[in-house]
PDB file of N, CA and C in Angstrom:
ATOM      1  N   MET A   1      12.190 -73.603 -41.850  1.00  0.00           N
ATOM      2  CA  MET A   1      11.474 -73.275 -43.060  1.00  0.00           C
ATOM      3  C   MET A   1      10.187 -72.544 -42.677  1.00  0.00           C
ATOM      4  N   ARG A   2       9.911 -71.516 -43.383  1.00  0.00           N
ATOM      5  CA  ARG A   2       8.709 -70.723 -43.116  1.00  0.00           C
ATOM      6  C   ARG A   2       8.170 -70.174 -44.423  1.00  0.00           C
ATOM      7  N   ARG A   3       6.831 -70.210 -44.555  1.00  0.00           N
ATOM      8  CA  ARG A   3       6.210 -69.672 -45.762  1.00  0.00           C
ATOM      9  C   ARG A   3       6.343 -68.156 -45.820  1.00  0.00           C
ATOM     10  N   GLY A   4       6.245 -67.501 -44.672  1.00  0.00           N
ATOM     11  CA  GLY A   4       6.362 -66.049 -44.625  1.00  0.00           C
ATOM     12  C   GLY A   4       7.802 -65.595 -44.775  1.00  0.00           C
ATOM     13  N   GLU A   5       7.982 -64.291 -44.851  1.00  0.00           N
ATOM     14  CA  GLU A   5       9.317 -63.730 -45.077  1.00  0.00           C
ATOM     15  C   GLU A   5      10.109 -63.509 -43.791  1.00  0.00           C
ATOM     16  N   GLU A   6       9.441 -63.484 -42.628  1.00  0.00           N
ATOM     17  CA  GLU A   6      10.132 -63.226 -41.367  1.00  0.00           C
ATOM     18  C   GLU A   6       9.867 -64.361 -40.384  1.00  0.00           C
ATOM     19  N   VAL A   7      10.771 -64.513 -39.429  1.00  0.00           N
ATOM     20  CA  VAL A   7      10.701 -65.572 -38.431  1.00  0.00           C
ATOM     21  C   VAL A   7      10.418 -64.962 -37.063  1.00  0.00           C
ATOM     22  N   ALA A   8       9.611 -65.653 -36.261  1.00  0.00           N
ATOM     23  CA  ALA A   8       9.364 -65.293 -34.859  1.00  0.00           C
ATOM     24  C   ALA A   8       8.799 -63.878 -34.710  1.00  0.00           C
ATOM     25  N   THR A   9       7.844 -63.528 -35.541  1.00  0.00           N
ATOM     26  CA  THR A   9       7.320 -62.164 -35.560  1.00  0.00           C
ATOM     27  C   THR A   9       6.450 -61.811 -34.363  1.00  0.00           C
ATOM     28  N   LYS A  10       5.944 -62.811 -33.641  1.00  0.00           N
ATOM     29  CA  LYS A  10       5.065 -62.521 -32.508  1.00  0.00           C
ATOM     30  C   LYS A  10       5.797 -62.554 -31.168  1.00  0.00           C
ATOM     31  N   MET A  11       7.095 -62.663 -31.211  1.00  0.00           N
ATOM     32  CA  MET A  11       7.887 -62.701 -29.980  1.00  0.00           C
ATOM     33  C   MET A  11       8.178 -61.297 -29.473  1.00  0.00           C
ATOM     34  N   ASN A  12       8.511 -61.235 -28.195  1.00  0.00           N
ATOM     35  CA  ASN A  12       9.028 -60.008 -27.607  1.00  0.00           C
ATOM     36  C   ASN A  12      10.276 -59.615 -28.401  1.00  0.00           C
ATOM     37  N   PRO A  13      10.404 -58.336 -28.792  1.00  0.00           N
ATOM     38  CA  PRO A  13      11.533 -57.926 -29.640  1.00  0.00           C
ATOM     39  C   PRO A  13      12.911 -58.265 -29.070  1.00  0.00           C
ATOM     40  N   THR A  14      13.096 -58.123 -27.780  1.00  0.00           N
ATOM     41  CA  THR A  14      14.402 -58.424 -27.183  1.00  0.00           C
ATOM     42  C   THR A  14      14.696 -59.914 -27.273  1.00  0.00           C
ATOM     43  N   SER A  15      13.721 -60.745 -26.936  1.00  0.00           N
ATOM     44  CA  SER A  15      13.898 -62.200 -27.016  1.00  0.00           C
ATOM     45  C   SER A  15      14.097 -62.635 -28.461  1.00  0.00           C
ATOM     46  N   ARG A  16      13.361 -62.013 -29.376  1.00  0.00           N
ATOM     47  CA  ARG A  16      13.461 -62.352 -30.794  1.00  0.00           C
ATOM     48  C   ARG A  16      14.869 -62.088 -31.313  1.00  0.00           C
ATOM     49  N   GLU A  17      15.404 -60.927 -30.975  1.00  0.00           N
ATOM     50  CA  GLU A  17      16.756 -60.578 -31.428  1.00  0.00           C
ATOM     51  C   GLU A  17      17.767 -61.595 -30.917  1.00  0.00           C
ATOM     52  N   HIS A  18      17.630 -61.976 -29.662  1.00  0.00           N
ATOM     53  CA  HIS A  18      18.538 -62.962 -29.054  1.00  0.00           C
ATOM     54  C   HIS A  18      18.400 -64.310 -29.775  1.00  0.00           C
ATOM     55  N   LEU A  19      17.174 -64.743 -30.007  1.00  0.00           N
ATOM     56  CA  LEU A  19      16.927 -66.015 -30.686  1.00  0.00           C
ATOM     57  C   LEU A  19      17.507 -66.008 -32.095  1.00  0.00           C
ATOM     58  N   LEU A  20      17.242 -64.933 -32.845  1.00  0.00           N
ATOM     59  CA  LEU A  20      17.705 -64.874 -34.230  1.00  0.00           C
ATOM     60  C   LEU A  20      19.220 -64.782 -34.337  1.00  0.00           C
ATOM     61  N   THR A  21      19.876 -64.388 -33.273  1.00  0.00           N
ATOM     62  CA  THR A  21      21.334 -64.388 -33.232  1.00  0.00           C
ATOM     63  C   THR A  21      21.864 -65.776 -32.885  1.00  0.00           C
ATOM     64  N   ARG A  22      21.186 -66.448 -31.952  1.00  0.00           N
ATOM     65  CA  ARG A  22      21.654 -67.755 -31.479  1.00  0.00           C
ATOM     66  C   ARG A  22      21.433 -68.888 -32.478  1.00  0.00           C
ATOM     67  N   LEU A  23      20.329 -68.856 -33.214  1.00  0.00           N
ATOM     68  CA  LEU A  23      20.037 -69.975 -34.113  1.00  0.00           C
ATOM     69  C   LEU A  23      21.150 -70.218 -35.136  1.00  0.00           C
ATOM     70  N   PRO A  24      21.580 -69.200 -35.885  1.00  0.00           N
ATOM     71  CA  PRO A  24      22.691 -69.442 -36.822  1.00  0.00           C
ATOM     72  C   PRO A  24      23.984 -69.855 -36.098  1.00  0.00           C
ATOM     73  N   ALA A  25      24.200 -69.322 -34.906  1.00  0.00           N
ATOM     74  CA  ALA A  25      25.394 -69.688 -34.144  1.00  0.00           C
ATOM     75  C   ALA A  25      25.372 -71.168 -33.756  1.00  0.00           C
ATOM     76  N   LYS A  26      24.197 -71.755 -33.665  1.00  0.00           N
ATOM     77  CA  LYS A  26      24.048 -73.174 -33.339  1.00  0.00           C
ATOM     78  C   LYS A  26      23.957 -74.053 -34.584  1.00  0.00           C
ATOM     79  N   GLY A  27      24.172 -73.447 -35.765  1.00  0.00           N
ATOM     80  CA  GLY A  27      24.170 -74.208 -37.001  1.00  0.00           C
ATOM     81  C   GLY A  27      22.807 -74.368 -37.643  1.00  0.00           C
ATOM     82  N   ILE A  28      21.836 -73.584 -37.197  1.00  0.00           N
ATOM     83  CA  ILE A  28      20.483 -73.656 -37.752  1.00  0.00           C
ATOM     84  C   ILE A  28      20.406 -72.793 -39.007  1.00  0.00           C
ATOM     85  N   THR A  29      19.927 -73.379 -40.097  1.00  0.00           N
ATOM     86  CA  THR A  29      19.702 -72.645 -41.332  1.00  0.00           C
ATOM     87  C   THR A  29      18.220 -72.316 -41.414  1.00  0.00           C
ATOM     88  N   MET A  30      17.897 -71.056 -41.626  1.00  0.00           N
ATOM     89  CA  MET A  30      16.500 -70.645 -41.721  1.00  0.00           C
ATOM     90  C   MET A  30      16.177 -70.330 -43.177  1.00  0.00           C
ATOM     91  N   LEU A  31      15.096 -70.921 -43.659  1.00  0.00           N
ATOM     92  CA  LEU A  31      14.625 -70.673 -45.015  1.00  0.00           C
ATOM     93  C   LEU A  31      13.266 -69.994 -44.907  1.00  0.00           C
ATOM     94  N   THR A  32      13.138 -68.832 -45.509  1.00  0.00           N
ATOM     95  CA  THR A  32      11.856 -68.122 -45.479  1.00  0.00           C
ATOM     96  C   THR A  32      11.319 -67.968 -46.894  1.00  0.00           C
ATOM     97  N   GLY A  33      10.027 -67.685 -46.986  1.00  0.00           N
ATOM     98  CA  GLY A  33       9.412 -67.473 -48.285  1.00  0.00           C
ATOM     99  C   GLY A  33       9.342 -68.734 -49.134  1.00  0.00           C
ATOM    100  N   VAL A  34       9.232 -69.902 -48.481  1.00  0.00           N
ATOM    101  CA  VAL A  34       9.204 -71.163 -49.223  1.00  0.00           C
ATOM    102  C   VAL A  34       7.775 -71.652 -49.427  1.00  0.00           C
ATOM    103  N   ARG A  35       7.615 -72.507 -50.424  1.00  0.00           N
ATOM    104  CA  ARG A  35       6.349 -73.212 -50.653  1.00  0.00           C
ATOM    105  C   ARG A  35       6.644 -74.700 -50.557  1.00  0.00           C
ATOM    106  N   TYR A  36       5.886 -75.390 -49.708  1.00  0.00           N
ATOM    107  CA  TYR A  36       6.086 -76.819 -49.518  1.00  0.00           C
ATOM    108  C   TYR A  36       5.430 -77.576 -50.661  1.00  0.00           C
ATOM    109  N   GLN A  37       6.154 -78.530 -51.234  1.00  0.00           N
ATOM    110  CA  GLN A  37       5.639 -79.312 -52.354  1.00  0.00           C
ATOM    111  C   GLN A  37       5.243 -80.722 -51.931  1.00  0.00           C
ATOM    112  N   GLU A  38       6.136 -81.383 -51.179  1.00  0.00           N
ATOM    113  CA  GLU A  38       5.890 -82.793 -50.874  1.00  0.00           C
ATOM    114  C   GLU A  38       6.773 -83.247 -49.719  1.00  0.00           C
ATOM    115  N   ILE A  39       6.245 -84.180 -48.917  1.00  0.00           N
ATOM    116  CA  ILE A  39       7.043 -84.856 -47.897  1.00  0.00           C
ATOM    117  C   ILE A  39       7.331 -86.254 -48.432  1.00  0.00           C
ATOM    118  N   THR A  40       8.622 -86.597 -48.465  1.00  0.00           N
ATOM    119  CA  THR A  40       9.035 -87.905 -48.981  1.00  0.00           C
ATOM    120  C   THR A  40       9.801 -88.649 -47.892  1.00  0.00           C
ATOM    121  N   ASP A  41      10.276 -89.852 -48.226  1.00  0.00           N
ATOM    122  CA  ASP A  41      11.096 -90.619 -47.282  1.00  0.00           C
ATOM    123  C   ASP A  41      12.415 -89.914 -46.988  1.00  0.00           C
ATOM    124  N   ARG A  42      12.862 -89.054 -47.887  1.00  0.00           N
ATOM    125  CA  ARG A  42      14.137 -88.346 -47.711  1.00  0.00           C
ATOM    126  C   ARG A  42      13.991 -87.047 -46.932  1.00  0.00           C
ATOM    127  N   GLY A  43      12.803 -86.409 -46.984  1.00  0.00           N
ATOM    128  CA  GLY A  43      12.621 -85.117 -46.313  1.00  0.00           C
ATOM    129  C   GLY A  43      11.500 -84.327 -46.946  1.00  0.00           C
ATOM    130  N   VAL A  44      11.687 -83.009 -47.041  1.00  0.00           N
ATOM    131  CA  VAL A  44      10.671 -82.114 -47.580  1.00  0.00           C
ATOM    132  C   VAL A  44      11.166 -81.514 -48.885  1.00  0.00           C
ATOM    133  N   ILE A  45      10.339 -81.615 -49.922  1.00  0.00           N
ATOM    134  CA  ILE A  45      10.653 -80.952 -51.189  1.00  0.00           C
ATOM    135  C   ILE A  45       9.944 -79.614 -51.160  1.00  0.00           C
ATOM    136  N   LEU A  46      10.689 -78.544 -51.447  1.00  0.00           N
ATOM    137  CA  LEU A  46      10.107 -77.204 -51.400  1.00  0.00           C
ATOM    138  C   LEU A  46      10.597 -76.360 -52.552  1.00  0.00           C
ATOM    139  N   THR A  47       9.876 -75.281 -52.776  1.00  0.00           N
ATOM    140  CA  THR A  47      10.289 -74.280 -53.755  1.00  0.00           C
ATOM    141  C   THR A  47      10.684 -73.039 -52.979  1.00  0.00           C
ATOM    142  N   THR A  48      11.868 -72.527 -53.256  1.00  0.00           N
ATOM    143  CA  THR A  48      12.366 -71.348 -52.554  1.00  0.00           C
ATOM    144  C   THR A  48      11.715 -70.088 -53.099  1.00  0.00           C
ATOM    145  N   GLY A  49      11.930 -68.982 -52.415  1.00  0.00           N
ATOM    146  CA  GLY A  49      11.423 -67.698 -52.871  1.00  0.00           C
ATOM    147  C   GLY A  49      11.971 -67.299 -54.227  1.00  0.00           C
ATOM    148  N   GLU A  50      13.140 -67.836 -54.592  1.00  0.00           N
ATOM    149  CA  GLU A  50      13.750 -67.550 -55.893  1.00  0.00           C
ATOM    150  C   GLU A  50      13.221 -68.467 -56.984  1.00  0.00           C
ATOM    151  N   GLY A  51      12.376 -69.455 -56.605  1.00  0.00           N
ATOM    152  CA  GLY A  51      11.781 -70.337 -57.596  1.00  0.00           C
ATOM    153  C   GLY A  51      12.506 -71.640 -57.833  1.00  0.00           C
ATOM    154  N   THR A  52      13.568 -71.917 -57.094  1.00  0.00           N
ATOM    155  CA  THR A  52      14.273 -73.191 -57.270  1.00  0.00           C
ATOM    156  C   THR A  52      13.660 -74.243 -56.359  1.00  0.00           C
ATOM    157  N   THR A  53      13.714 -75.497 -56.825  1.00  0.00           N
ATOM    158  CA  THR A  53      13.200 -76.621 -56.039  1.00  0.00           C
ATOM    159  C   THR A  53      14.368 -77.290 -55.351  1.00  0.00           C
ATOM    160  N   GLN A  54      14.182 -77.625 -54.069  1.00  0.00           N
ATOM    161  CA  GLN A  54      15.232 -78.329 -53.345  1.00  0.00           C
ATOM    162  C   GLN A  54      14.605 -79.277 -52.333  1.00  0.00           C
ATOM    163  N   THR A  55      15.388 -80.274 -51.945  1.00  0.00           N
ATOM    164  CA  THR A  55      14.960 -81.212 -50.909  1.00  0.00           C
ATOM    165  C   THR A  55      15.753 -80.918 -49.645  1.00  0.00           C
ATOM    166  N   VAL A  56      15.036 -80.724 -48.543  1.00  0.00           N
ATOM    167  CA  VAL A  56      15.668 -80.569 -47.236  1.00  0.00           C
ATOM    168  C   VAL A  56      15.560 -81.935 -46.572  1.00  0.00           C
ATOM    169  N   GLU A  57      16.701 -82.602 -46.406  1.00  0.00           N
ATOM    170  CA  GLU A  57      16.688 -83.950 -45.856  1.00  0.00           C
ATOM    171  C   GLU A  57      16.344 -83.924 -44.370  1.00  0.00           C
ATOM    172  N   ALA A  58      15.497 -84.885 -43.976  1.00  0.00           N
ATOM    173  CA  ALA A  58      15.078 -84.992 -42.575  1.00  0.00           C
ATOM    174  C   ALA A  58      14.523 -86.385 -42.334  1.00  0.00           C
ATOM    175  N   ASP A  59      14.756 -86.894 -41.122  1.00  0.00           N
ATOM    176  CA  ASP A  59      14.135 -88.167 -40.771  1.00  0.00           C
ATOM    177  C   ASP A  59      12.867 -87.964 -39.944  1.00  0.00           C
ATOM    178  N   THR A  60      12.676 -86.750 -39.435  1.00  0.00           N
ATOM    179  CA  THR A  60      11.461 -86.394 -38.696  1.00  0.00           C
ATOM    180  C   THR A  60      11.010 -85.019 -39.158  1.00  0.00           C
ATOM    181  N   ILE A  61       9.713 -84.874 -39.399  1.00  0.00           N
ATOM    182  CA  ILE A  61       9.152 -83.599 -39.844  1.00  0.00           C
ATOM    183  C   ILE A  61       8.006 -83.230 -38.922  1.00  0.00           C
ATOM    184  N   VAL A  62       8.042 -82.027 -38.393  1.00  0.00           N
ATOM    185  CA  VAL A  62       6.969 -81.516 -37.550  1.00  0.00           C
ATOM    186  C   VAL A  62       6.324 -80.361 -38.299  1.00  0.00           C
ATOM    187  N   VAL A  63       5.035 -80.468 -38.557  1.00  0.00           N
ATOM    188  CA  VAL A  63       4.313 -79.404 -39.247  1.00  0.00           C
ATOM    189  C   VAL A  63       3.701 -78.492 -38.193  1.00  0.00           C
ATOM    190  N   ALA A  64       4.105 -77.241 -38.186  1.00  0.00           N
ATOM    191  CA  ALA A  64       3.550 -76.228 -37.288  1.00  0.00           C
ATOM    192  C   ALA A  64       3.095 -75.083 -38.170  1.00  0.00           C
ATOM    193  N   ALA A  65       1.871 -75.195 -38.667  1.00  0.00           N
ATOM    194  CA  ALA A  65       1.417 -74.283 -39.708  1.00  0.00           C
ATOM    195  C   ALA A  65       0.343 -73.320 -39.240  1.00  0.00           C
ATOM    196  N   GLY A  66       0.399 -72.929 -37.981  1.00  0.00           N
ATOM    197  CA  GLY A  66      -0.573 -71.962 -37.498  1.00  0.00           C
ATOM    198  C   GLY A  66      -1.813 -72.610 -36.925  1.00  0.00           C
ATOM    199  N   SER A  67      -2.714 -71.792 -36.458  1.00  0.00           N
ATOM    200  CA  SER A  67      -3.924 -72.257 -35.790  1.00  0.00           C
ATOM    201  C   SER A  67      -5.153 -71.812 -36.556  1.00  0.00           C
ATOM    202  N   LEU A  68      -6.192 -72.623 -36.438  1.00  0.00           N
ATOM    203  CA  LEU A  68      -7.470 -72.277 -37.044  1.00  0.00           C
ATOM    204  C   LEU A  68      -8.549 -72.311 -35.972  1.00  0.00           C
ATOM    205  N   LEU A  69      -9.541 -71.474 -36.123  1.00  0.00           N
ATOM    206  CA  LEU A  69     -10.686 -71.457 -35.237  1.00  0.00           C
ATOM    207  C   LEU A  69     -11.439 -72.773 -35.380  1.00  0.00           C
ATOM    208  N   ASP A  70     -11.745 -73.440 -34.245  1.00  0.00           N
ATOM    209  CA  ASP A  70     -12.514 -74.683 -34.277  1.00  0.00           C
ATOM    210  C   ASP A  70     -13.567 -74.634 -33.177  1.00  0.00           C
ATOM    211  N   PRO A  71     -14.755 -74.117 -33.488  1.00  0.00           N
ATOM    212  CA  PRO A  71     -15.800 -73.958 -32.476  1.00  0.00           C
ATOM    213  C   PRO A  71     -16.647 -75.211 -32.254  1.00  0.00           C
ATOM    214  N   GLU A  72     -16.300 -76.332 -32.897  1.00  0.00           N
ATOM    215  CA  GLU A  72     -17.143 -77.523 -32.860  1.00  0.00           C
ATOM    216  C   GLU A  72     -17.464 -77.994 -31.446  1.00  0.00           C
ATOM    217  N   LEU A  73     -16.466 -78.130 -30.580  1.00  0.00           N
ATOM    218  CA  LEU A  73     -16.707 -78.603 -29.215  1.00  0.00           C
ATOM    219  C   LEU A  73     -17.566 -77.615 -28.433  1.00  0.00           C
ATOM    220  N   SER A  74     -17.263 -76.325 -28.532  1.00  0.00           N
ATOM    221  CA  SER A  74     -18.044 -75.342 -27.782  1.00  0.00           C
ATOM    222  C   SER A  74     -19.490 -75.309 -28.258  1.00  0.00           C
ATOM    223  N   LEU A  75     -19.719 -75.486 -29.553  1.00  0.00           N
ATOM    224  CA  LEU A  75     -21.088 -75.519 -30.074  1.00  0.00           C
ATOM    225  C   LEU A  75     -21.831 -76.755 -29.583  1.00  0.00           C
ATOM    226  N   ALA A  76     -21.111 -77.871 -29.456  1.00  0.00           N
ATOM    227  CA  ALA A  76     -21.730 -79.105 -28.972  1.00  0.00           C
ATOM    228  C   ALA A  76     -22.095 -79.006 -27.488  1.00  0.00           C
ATOM    229  N   LEU A  77     -21.338 -78.237 -26.722  1.00  0.00           N
ATOM    230  CA  LEU A  77     -21.584 -78.109 -25.279  1.00  0.00           C
ATOM    231  C   LEU A  77     -22.595 -77.023 -24.934  1.00  0.00           C
ATOM    232  N   GLU A  78     -22.723 -76.046 -25.794  1.00  0.00           N
ATOM    233  CA  GLU A  78     -23.605 -74.920 -25.514  1.00  0.00           C
ATOM    234  C   GLU A  78     -25.047 -75.393 -25.287  1.00  0.00           C
ATOM    235  N   GLY A  79     -25.654 -74.873 -24.206  1.00  0.00           N
ATOM    236  CA  GLY A  79     -27.029 -75.227 -23.872  1.00  0.00           C
ATOM    237  C   GLY A  79     -27.165 -76.480 -23.028  1.00  0.00           C
ATOM    238  N   LYS A  80     -26.061 -77.175 -22.765  1.00  0.00           N
ATOM    239  CA  LYS A  80     -26.109 -78.402 -21.972  1.00  0.00           C
ATOM    240  C   LYS A  80     -25.746 -78.182 -20.514  1.00  0.00           C
ATOM    241  N   VAL A  81     -25.305 -76.979 -20.203  1.00  0.00           N
ATOM    242  CA  VAL A  81     -24.967 -76.616 -18.819  1.00  0.00           C
ATOM    243  C   VAL A  81     -25.587 -75.251 -18.530  1.00  0.00           C
ATOM    244  N   PRO A  82     -25.825 -74.951 -17.235  1.00  0.00           N
ATOM    245  CA  PRO A  82     -26.479 -73.678 -16.908  1.00  0.00           C
ATOM    246  C   PRO A  82     -25.714 -72.438 -17.373  1.00  0.00           C
ATOM    247  N   GLU A  83     -24.387 -72.463 -17.277  1.00  0.00           N
ATOM    248  CA  GLU A  83     -23.571 -71.327 -17.729  1.00  0.00           C
ATOM    249  C   GLU A  83     -22.448 -71.862 -18.609  1.00  0.00           C
ATOM    250  N   PHE A  84     -22.140 -71.123 -19.652  1.00  0.00           N
ATOM    251  CA  PHE A  84     -21.112 -71.563 -20.589  1.00  0.00           C
ATOM    252  C   PHE A  84     -20.355 -70.345 -21.083  1.00  0.00           C
ATOM    253  N   TYR A  85     -19.035 -70.386 -21.029  1.00  0.00           N
ATOM    254  CA  TYR A  85     -18.202 -69.264 -21.446  1.00  0.00           C
ATOM    255  C   TYR A  85     -17.161 -69.772 -22.444  1.00  0.00           C
ATOM    256  N   ARG A  86     -16.992 -69.058 -23.515  1.00  0.00           N
ATOM    257  CA  ARG A  86     -15.959 -69.394 -24.496  1.00  0.00           C
ATOM    258  C   ARG A  86     -14.707 -68.565 -24.205  1.00  0.00           C
ATOM    259  N   ILE A  87     -13.581 -69.249 -24.152  1.00  0.00           N
ATOM    260  CA  ILE A  87     -12.284 -68.572 -24.019  1.00  0.00           C
ATOM    261  C   ILE A  87     -11.269 -69.316 -24.880  1.00  0.00           C
ATOM    262  N   GLY A  88     -10.139 -68.708 -25.091  1.00  0.00           N
ATOM    263  CA  GLY A  88      -9.056 -69.375 -25.808  1.00  0.00           C
ATOM    264  C   GLY A  88      -9.309 -69.510 -27.297  1.00  0.00           C
ATOM    265  N   ASP A  89      -8.802 -70.601 -27.862  1.00  0.00           N
ATOM    266  CA  ASP A  89      -8.818 -70.781 -29.313  1.00  0.00           C
ATOM    267  C   ASP A  89     -10.197 -71.031 -29.899  1.00  0.00           C
ATOM    268  N   CYS A  90     -11.199 -71.350 -29.075  1.00  0.00           N
ATOM    269  CA  CYS A  90     -12.537 -71.518 -29.660  1.00  0.00           C
ATOM    270  C   CYS A  90     -13.151 -70.157 -29.978  1.00  0.00           C
ATOM    271  N   VAL A  91     -12.564 -69.082 -29.447  1.00  0.00           N
ATOM    272  CA  VAL A  91     -12.990 -67.723 -29.785  1.00  0.00           C
ATOM    273  C   VAL A  91     -12.194 -67.231 -30.985  1.00  0.00           C
ATOM    274  N   GLU A  92     -10.877 -67.349 -30.872  1.00  0.00           N
ATOM    275  CA  GLU A  92      -9.955 -66.920 -31.925  1.00  0.00           C
ATOM    276  C   GLU A  92      -8.582 -67.492 -31.603  1.00  0.00           C
ATOM    277  N   PRO A  93      -7.882 -68.098 -32.558  1.00  0.00           N
ATOM    278  CA  PRO A  93      -6.549 -68.628 -32.276  1.00  0.00           C
ATOM    279  C   PRO A  93      -5.594 -67.522 -31.829  1.00  0.00           C
ATOM    280  N   ARG A  94      -4.977 -67.741 -30.669  1.00  0.00           N
ATOM    281  CA  ARG A  94      -4.017 -66.791 -30.102  1.00  0.00           C
ATOM    282  C   ARG A  94      -2.969 -67.550 -29.322  1.00  0.00           C
ATOM    283  N   ASP A  95      -2.119 -66.834 -28.619  1.00  0.00           N
ATOM    284  CA  ASP A  95      -1.096 -67.500 -27.818  1.00  0.00           C
ATOM    285  C   ASP A  95      -1.649 -67.860 -26.433  1.00  0.00           C
ATOM    286  N   ILE A  96      -0.864 -68.626 -25.679  1.00  0.00           N
ATOM    287  CA  ILE A  96      -1.292 -69.129 -24.377  1.00  0.00           C
ATOM    288  C   ILE A  96      -1.546 -68.000 -23.386  1.00  0.00           C
ATOM    289  N   MET A  97      -0.774 -66.933 -23.459  1.00  0.00           N
ATOM    290  CA  MET A  97      -0.981 -65.816 -22.519  1.00  0.00           C
ATOM    291  C   MET A  97      -2.346 -65.170 -22.726  1.00  0.00           C
ATOM    292  N   ALA A  98      -2.781 -65.055 -23.948  1.00  0.00           N
ATOM    293  CA  ALA A  98      -4.100 -64.480 -24.214  1.00  0.00           C
ATOM    294  C   ALA A  98      -5.187 -65.376 -23.648  1.00  0.00           C
ATOM    295  N   ALA A  99      -5.054 -66.684 -23.803  1.00  0.00           N
ATOM    296  CA  ALA A  99      -6.053 -67.613 -23.274  1.00  0.00           C
ATOM    297  C   ALA A  99      -6.088 -67.585 -21.753  1.00  0.00           C
ATOM    298  N   VAL A 100      -4.922 -67.546 -21.108  1.00  0.00           N
ATOM    299  CA  VAL A 100      -4.870 -67.501 -19.642  1.00  0.00           C
ATOM    300  C   VAL A 100      -5.473 -66.197 -19.130  1.00  0.00           C
ATOM    301  N   THR A 101      -5.129 -65.100 -19.767  1.00  0.00           N
ATOM    302  CA  THR A 101      -5.686 -63.800 -19.364  1.00  0.00           C
ATOM    303  C   THR A 101      -7.197 -63.786 -19.526  1.00  0.00           C
ATOM    304  N   GLU A 102      -7.671 -64.283 -20.658  1.00  0.00           N
ATOM    305  CA  GLU A 102      -9.108 -64.337 -20.900  1.00  0.00           C
ATOM    306  C   GLU A 102      -9.801 -65.228 -19.867  1.00  0.00           C
ATOM    307  N   GLY A 103      -9.200 -66.361 -19.528  1.00  0.00           N
ATOM    308  CA  GLY A 103      -9.753 -67.236 -18.500  1.00  0.00           C
ATOM    309  C   GLY A 103      -9.797 -66.567 -17.144  1.00  0.00           C
ATOM    310  N   TYR A 104      -8.769 -65.839 -16.806  1.00  0.00           N
ATOM    311  CA  TYR A 104      -8.704 -65.119 -15.531  1.00  0.00           C
ATOM    312  C   TYR A 104      -9.848 -64.104 -15.421  1.00  0.00           C
ATOM    313  N   PHE A 105     -10.003 -63.274 -16.458  1.00  0.00           N
ATOM    314  CA  PHE A 105     -11.043 -62.245 -16.400  1.00  0.00           C
ATOM    315  C   PHE A 105     -12.445 -62.847 -16.472  1.00  0.00           C
ATOM    316  N   THR A 106     -12.603 -63.929 -17.189  1.00  0.00           N
ATOM    317  CA  THR A 106     -13.908 -64.596 -17.219  1.00  0.00           C
ATOM    318  C   THR A 106     -14.231 -65.148 -15.840  1.00  0.00           C
ATOM    319  N   ALA A 107     -13.282 -65.783 -15.189  1.00  0.00           N
ATOM    320  CA  ALA A 107     -13.500 -66.338 -13.840  1.00  0.00           C
ATOM    321  C   ALA A 107     -13.824 -65.233 -12.836  1.00  0.00           C
ATOM    322  N   ARG A 108     -13.153 -64.118 -12.941  1.00  0.00           N
ATOM    323  CA  ARG A 108     -13.426 -62.982 -12.021  1.00  0.00           C
ATOM    324  C   ARG A 108     -14.861 -62.469 -12.166  1.00  0.00           C
ATOM    325  N   ASN A 109     -15.411 -62.542 -13.371  1.00  0.00           N
ATOM    326  CA  ASN A 109     -16.753 -62.038 -13.624  1.00  0.00           C
ATOM    327  C   ASN A 109     -17.862 -63.015 -13.260  1.00  0.00           C
ATOM    328  N   ILE A 110     -17.527 -64.253 -12.966  1.00  0.00           N
ATOM    329  CA  ILE A 110     -18.573 -65.231 -12.622  1.00  0.00           C
ATOM    330  C   ILE A 110     -19.047 -65.037 -11.195  1.00  0.00           C
TER     331      ILE A 110
END
């Protein structure tokens, strides 16, 4: 289930194509353009892009709804050490490769 209209948009195009082919072959149903209404004991109640309400039954629900900037820890640490560098999600939410690359270049400059 995804609120947006497309799935896996930040993946490498070749890997994405392979994934989007394999998921249905493994019995995975993808729902896009949905709005989540409620989590119940039975599963998730949602409204589809066509406006119908349905319950997707599940015994476990994992919410993966994106990342938000959270500078609280970095602001609390700033000024308490001689040198302080912000990298990763405290600068801007991104993927792990961006954080590792940023850490690498920051370390090289120290």
